[in-house]
Amino acid sequence: MTKAFDQTQWTNAAFSKGYLESADHIIQERSELFRMFRSFYRKFIGTTTCASFCDLGCGDGILGKQLLEENASLHATLVDGSAKMLDAAKERLKQYPACQFIQASFTSLKSSFPEDARFDLIISGFAIHHLSLPEKAALFQTAHDLLKEGGWFLNMDTTSPDDPFFTDWYYENWQSWVDIRDRDFGLGGEFREISSQARSNPDNQLSPLGVQLELLRAAGFGRVDCHYKNGLFSIFGGQRGAAHHLSCSR
């Protein structure tokens, strides 16, 4: 069972601030992940009138901002368990006054919305990997229930390989990318052990991508697929109300 949110490192203001300031250097190909997110929005949500989205585990609002830059009229609801993160999100998104902010953990998520709350898109970025596999399954079900018919769930996160044979290589490849950033940006070796630190951190509970795709199907999602994968880093999701399709992502 995952520890309660108030027992995790994300309640530590210094840790949270340090992560936000260094995310571009430790999240592999972060700009490409954002580009894919925006492309998905334009293709599948962009023509929806009065569209709404919910960002689960929103952090400082950087992922939600990608969508609001595409369409400032989107109705945005941002959820995080950390008051510090929500304050950072409010500051980042202050030019979008219609945003709604909710402080809630994933375990209290369902009770944090009105019964009739429904969204066109639910997103999450680097938050769900902190949950155990049963908790992921429960969250995917909640996300499905909070979507409008035809609505989409899209998750950007770290995942483990379906075959553990590749695990060491994935972590080594990530660290190599970080080391190149370190050299190019003169970071002084600040993140030379980031991959090993992440791997040993009990708050990180990476689950195989294939298993999570099956959990999405079990929650009722159709059109389940992985849209981006680079080692540990993936974007995947599904659609409520769509017929189930076989994924060709594995």
Protein backbone atom coordinates (compact mmCIF):
# COMPACT_ATOMS: atom_id res chain seq x y z
CA MET A 1 0.00 0.00 0.00
CA THR A 2 1.30 3.44 -0.91
CA LYS A 3 2.08 5.68 2.05
CA ALA A 4 -0.29 8.58 2.75
CA PHE A 5 0.45 11.68 0.72
CA ASP A 6 1.40 13.71 3.80
CA GLN A 7 4.18 11.18 4.48
CA THR A 8 5.84 11.55 1.07
CA GLN A 9 8.72 13.81 0.01
CA TRP A 10 6.30 15.98 -2.02
CA THR A 11 5.15 17.69 1.17
CA ASN A 12 8.73 18.93 1.62
CA ALA A 13 8.79 22.46 0.17
CA ALA A 14 12.53 22.39 -0.57
CA PHE A 15 12.26 19.08 -2.43
CA SER A 16 9.27 20.25 -4.46
CA LYS A 17 10.97 23.53 -5.38
CA GLY A 18 14.16 21.74 -6.39
CA TYR A 19 12.27 19.34 -8.64
CA LEU A 20 10.36 22.12 -10.37
CA GLU A 21 13.55 24.06 -11.09
CA SER A 22 15.44 21.05 -12.48
CA ALA A 23 12.69 19.13 -14.31
CA ASP A 24 13.97 20.06 -17.78
CA HIS A 25 17.31 18.45 -16.91
CA ILE A 26 16.02 15.23 -15.34
CA ILE A 27 12.92 14.34 -17.39
CA GLN A 28 14.20 12.75 -20.56
CA GLU A 29 13.15 14.65 -23.71
CA ARG A 30 10.63 16.72 -21.76
CA SER A 31 10.04 19.15 -24.63
CA GLU A 32 9.17 16.24 -26.95
CA LEU A 33 6.73 14.87 -24.38
CA PHE A 34 5.02 18.26 -24.28
CA ARG A 35 4.94 18.44 -28.07
CA MET A 36 3.19 15.08 -28.23
CA PHE A 37 0.64 16.17 -25.64
CA ARG A 38 -0.20 19.29 -27.59
CA SER A 39 -0.42 17.34 -30.83
CA PHE A 40 -2.86 14.88 -29.24
CA TYR A 41 -5.02 17.76 -27.99
CA ARG A 42 -5.14 19.43 -31.40
CA LYS A 43 -6.05 16.20 -33.18
CA PHE A 44 -8.66 14.75 -30.83
CA ILE A 45 -9.97 17.55 -28.58
CA GLY A 46 -9.25 20.84 -30.34
CA THR A 47 -12.57 21.12 -32.21
CA THR A 48 -14.70 20.43 -29.12
CA THR A 49 -16.79 23.45 -28.12
CA CYS A 50 -16.44 24.58 -24.47
CA ALA A 51 -14.03 21.72 -23.79
CA SER A 52 -12.89 20.94 -20.26
CA PHE A 53 -9.92 19.11 -18.85
CA CYS A 54 -8.73 17.93 -15.47
CA ASP A 55 -5.06 17.61 -14.54
CA LEU A 56 -4.49 14.96 -11.86
CA GLY A 57 -1.39 15.56 -9.76
CA CYS A 58 -0.90 18.87 -11.54
CA GLY A 59 2.28 19.95 -9.77
CA ASP A 60 3.13 23.50 -10.81
CA GLY A 61 0.65 23.47 -13.69
CA ILE A 62 3.20 23.08 -16.47
CA LEU A 63 1.27 20.31 -18.25
CA GLY A 64 -2.05 22.11 -18.03
CA LYS A 65 -0.41 25.22 -19.40
CA GLN A 66 0.55 23.32 -22.55
CA LEU A 67 -3.16 22.88 -23.28
CA LEU A 68 -4.18 26.39 -22.24
CA GLU A 69 -1.59 27.80 -24.63
CA GLU A 70 -3.36 25.84 -27.36
CA ASN A 71 -6.78 27.14 -26.28
CA ALA A 72 -7.14 29.73 -23.53
CA SER A 73 -10.91 29.15 -23.35
CA LEU A 74 -10.56 25.61 -22.01
CA HIS A 75 -12.25 24.97 -18.68
CA ALA A 76 -9.37 23.71 -16.52
CA THR A 77 -9.51 21.90 -13.18
CA LEU A 78 -6.15 21.21 -11.55
CA VAL A 79 -5.82 18.75 -8.68
CA ASP A 80 -2.84 18.09 -6.41
CA GLY A 81 -2.30 16.83 -2.88
CA SER A 82 0.30 19.52 -2.14
CA ALA A 83 -0.75 23.04 -1.23
CA LYS A 84 2.73 24.25 -2.25
CA MET A 85 2.34 22.74 -5.71
CA LEU A 86 -1.11 24.27 -6.11
CA ASP A 87 0.30 27.68 -5.14
CA ALA A 88 2.95 27.27 -7.85
CA ALA A 89 0.26 26.24 -10.35
CA LYS A 90 -1.86 29.27 -9.48
CA GLU A 91 1.14 31.52 -10.07
CA ARG A 92 2.01 29.86 -13.39
CA LEU A 93 -1.59 30.04 -14.62
CA LYS A 94 -2.54 33.43 -13.21
CA GLN A 95 -3.30 34.73 -16.71
CA TYR A 96 -6.06 32.11 -16.95
CA PRO A 97 -8.49 33.25 -14.23
CA ALA A 98 -11.13 30.59 -15.00
CA CYS A 99 -8.93 27.75 -13.71
CA GLN A 100 -10.23 25.80 -10.73
CA PHE A 101 -7.81 24.37 -8.17
CA ILE A 102 -8.59 21.45 -5.85
CA GLN A 103 -6.35 20.09 -3.11
CA ALA A 104 -6.95 16.34 -2.95
CA SER A 105 -4.95 13.14 -2.91
CA PHE A 106 -5.64 10.40 -5.43
CA THR A 107 -7.32 8.32 -2.73
CA SER A 108 -9.83 11.10 -1.97
CA LEU A 109 -10.28 12.12 -5.60
CA LYS A 110 -13.77 10.78 -6.23
CA SER A 111 -15.30 12.60 -3.27
CA SER A 112 -13.60 15.87 -4.27
CA PHE A 113 -15.86 16.44 -7.31
CA PRO A 114 -19.61 17.03 -7.60
CA GLU A 115 -21.50 13.90 -8.66
CA ASP A 116 -22.19 15.36 -12.11
CA ALA A 117 -18.59 16.46 -12.81
CA ARG A 118 -17.49 15.29 -16.25
CA PHE A 119 -14.52 16.22 -18.44
CA ASP A 120 -13.58 15.97 -22.12
CA LEU A 121 -9.98 15.18 -21.22
CA ILE A 122 -8.21 13.98 -18.08
CA ILE A 123 -4.43 14.27 -18.03
CA SER A 124 -1.66 13.44 -15.61
CA GLY A 125 2.08 14.00 -15.68
CA PHE A 126 4.62 12.06 -13.61
CA ALA A 127 2.29 11.47 -10.69
CA ILE A 128 0.57 8.11 -11.07
CA HIS A 129 3.81 6.11 -10.82
CA HIS A 130 3.75 6.83 -7.08
CA LEU A 131 0.75 4.51 -6.72
CA SER A 132 0.75 0.76 -6.21
CA LEU A 133 -0.72 -1.35 -8.99
CA PRO A 134 -4.14 -1.79 -7.28
CA GLU A 135 -4.22 1.96 -6.64
CA LYS A 136 -3.43 2.63 -10.29
CA ALA A 137 -6.32 0.37 -11.27
CA ALA A 138 -8.67 2.27 -8.94
CA LEU A 139 -7.50 5.63 -10.28
CA PHE A 140 -7.97 4.55 -13.90
CA GLN A 141 -11.54 3.55 -13.01
CA THR A 142 -12.14 6.92 -11.36
CA ALA A 143 -10.73 8.71 -14.41
CA HIS A 144 -13.05 6.70 -16.67
CA ASP A 145 -16.05 7.60 -14.51
CA LEU A 146 -15.16 11.32 -14.55
CA LEU A 147 -15.00 11.51 -18.35
CA LYS A 148 -17.81 12.44 -20.69
CA GLU A 149 -18.77 9.82 -23.25
CA GLY A 150 -16.06 10.02 -25.91
CA GLY A 151 -13.67 11.75 -23.50
CA TRP A 152 -9.99 10.87 -23.32
CA PHE A 153 -7.51 9.97 -20.57
CA LEU A 154 -3.85 10.70 -21.30
CA ASN A 155 -1.01 9.89 -18.92
CA MET A 156 2.61 11.02 -19.22
CA ASP A 157 4.65 8.97 -16.80
CA THR A 158 7.55 6.67 -16.08
CA THR A 159 6.82 2.99 -16.65
CA SER A 160 8.87 -0.15 -16.30
CA PRO A 161 9.45 -2.44 -19.29
CA ASP A 162 7.17 -5.41 -19.84
CA ASP A 163 10.28 -7.62 -19.83
CA PRO A 164 12.55 -6.82 -16.81
CA PHE A 165 15.52 -7.85 -18.94
CA PHE A 166 15.64 -4.27 -20.23
CA THR A 167 15.34 -2.48 -16.87
CA ASP A 168 19.05 -1.83 -16.26
CA TRP A 169 19.51 -0.52 -19.79
CA TYR A 170 16.56 1.86 -19.48
CA TYR A 171 18.01 3.41 -16.31
CA GLU A 172 21.48 3.60 -17.86
CA ASN A 173 20.08 5.25 -20.97
CA TRP A 174 18.23 7.83 -18.87
CA GLN A 175 21.38 8.63 -16.87
CA SER A 176 23.37 8.99 -20.11
CA TRP A 177 20.85 11.57 -21.35
CA VAL A 178 21.07 13.46 -18.04
CA ASP A 179 24.87 13.40 -18.18
CA ILE A 180 24.83 14.93 -21.66
CA ARG A 181 22.55 17.72 -20.37
CA ASP A 182 24.94 18.18 -17.47
CA ARG A 183 27.86 18.65 -19.86
CA ASP A 184 25.99 20.89 -22.31
CA PHE A 185 24.51 23.17 -19.63
CA GLY A 186 27.46 23.17 -17.22
CA LEU A 187 25.48 21.75 -14.29
CA GLY A 188 28.55 20.57 -12.40
CA GLY A 189 27.47 16.97 -11.99
CA GLU A 190 24.42 17.91 -9.92
CA PHE A 191 22.34 15.01 -11.26
CA ARG A 192 25.03 12.37 -11.80
CA GLU A 193 23.16 9.90 -9.58
CA ILE A 194 19.56 10.85 -10.41
CA SER A 195 18.67 7.52 -12.02
CA SER A 196 19.98 5.40 -9.15
CA GLN A 197 18.32 7.70 -6.62
CA ALA A 198 15.01 7.43 -8.44
CA ARG A 199 15.33 3.66 -8.75
CA SER A 200 15.93 3.19 -5.03
CA ASN A 201 13.25 5.67 -3.90
CA PRO A 202 10.33 3.69 -2.41
CA ASP A 203 7.91 6.46 -3.42
CA ASN A 204 8.46 5.44 -7.06
CA GLN A 205 6.41 2.34 -7.87
CA LEU A 206 6.87 1.92 -11.61
CA SER A 207 4.61 -0.67 -13.24
CA PRO A 208 5.02 -2.35 -16.63
CA LEU A 209 3.49 -0.40 -19.48
CA GLY A 210 1.66 -3.43 -20.87
CA VAL A 211 0.06 -4.15 -17.50
CA GLN A 212 -1.19 -0.57 -17.24
CA LEU A 213 -2.68 -0.71 -20.73
CA GLU A 214 -4.60 -3.81 -19.63
CA LEU A 215 -5.78 -1.98 -16.50
CA LEU A 216 -7.16 0.79 -18.69
CA ARG A 217 -9.09 -1.76 -20.74
CA ALA A 218 -10.38 -3.37 -17.56
CA ALA A 219 -11.63 0.05 -16.41
CA GLY A 220 -13.73 0.29 -19.58
CA PHE A 221 -11.48 2.32 -21.84
CA GLY A 222 -11.31 1.69 -25.57
CA ARG A 223 -8.70 2.87 -28.09
CA VAL A 224 -6.06 2.09 -25.47
CA ASP A 225 -2.54 2.60 -26.74
CA CYS A 226 0.92 3.95 -26.03
CA HIS A 227 1.58 7.05 -28.14
CA TYR A 228 5.18 7.69 -27.08
CA LYS A 229 7.84 5.58 -25.45
CA ASN A 230 11.52 6.26 -24.81
CA GLY A 231 12.92 3.86 -22.24
CA LEU A 232 11.20 4.59 -18.95
CA PHE A 233 9.20 7.54 -20.30
CA SER A 234 5.80 6.99 -21.88
CA ILE A 235 2.56 8.66 -22.93
CA PHE A 236 -0.45 6.36 -22.99
CA GLY A 237 -4.20 6.39 -22.45
CA GLY A 238 -7.62 5.56 -23.80
CA GLN A 239 -11.11 6.83 -24.62
CA ARG A 240 -14.36 6.35 -22.76
CA GLY A 241 -17.14 4.89 -24.86
CA ALA A 242 -14.94 3.66 -27.69
CA ALA A 243 -14.97 0.06 -28.82
CA HIS A 244 -11.99 -1.88 -27.50
CA HIS A 245 -9.13 -2.14 -29.98
CA LEU A 246 -6.00 -4.23 -29.80
CA SER A 247 -2.91 -2.14 -29.05
CA CYS A 248 0.09 -2.45 -31.35
CA SER A 249 2.35 -0.65 -28.87
CA ARG A 250 4.12 -3.76 -27.58
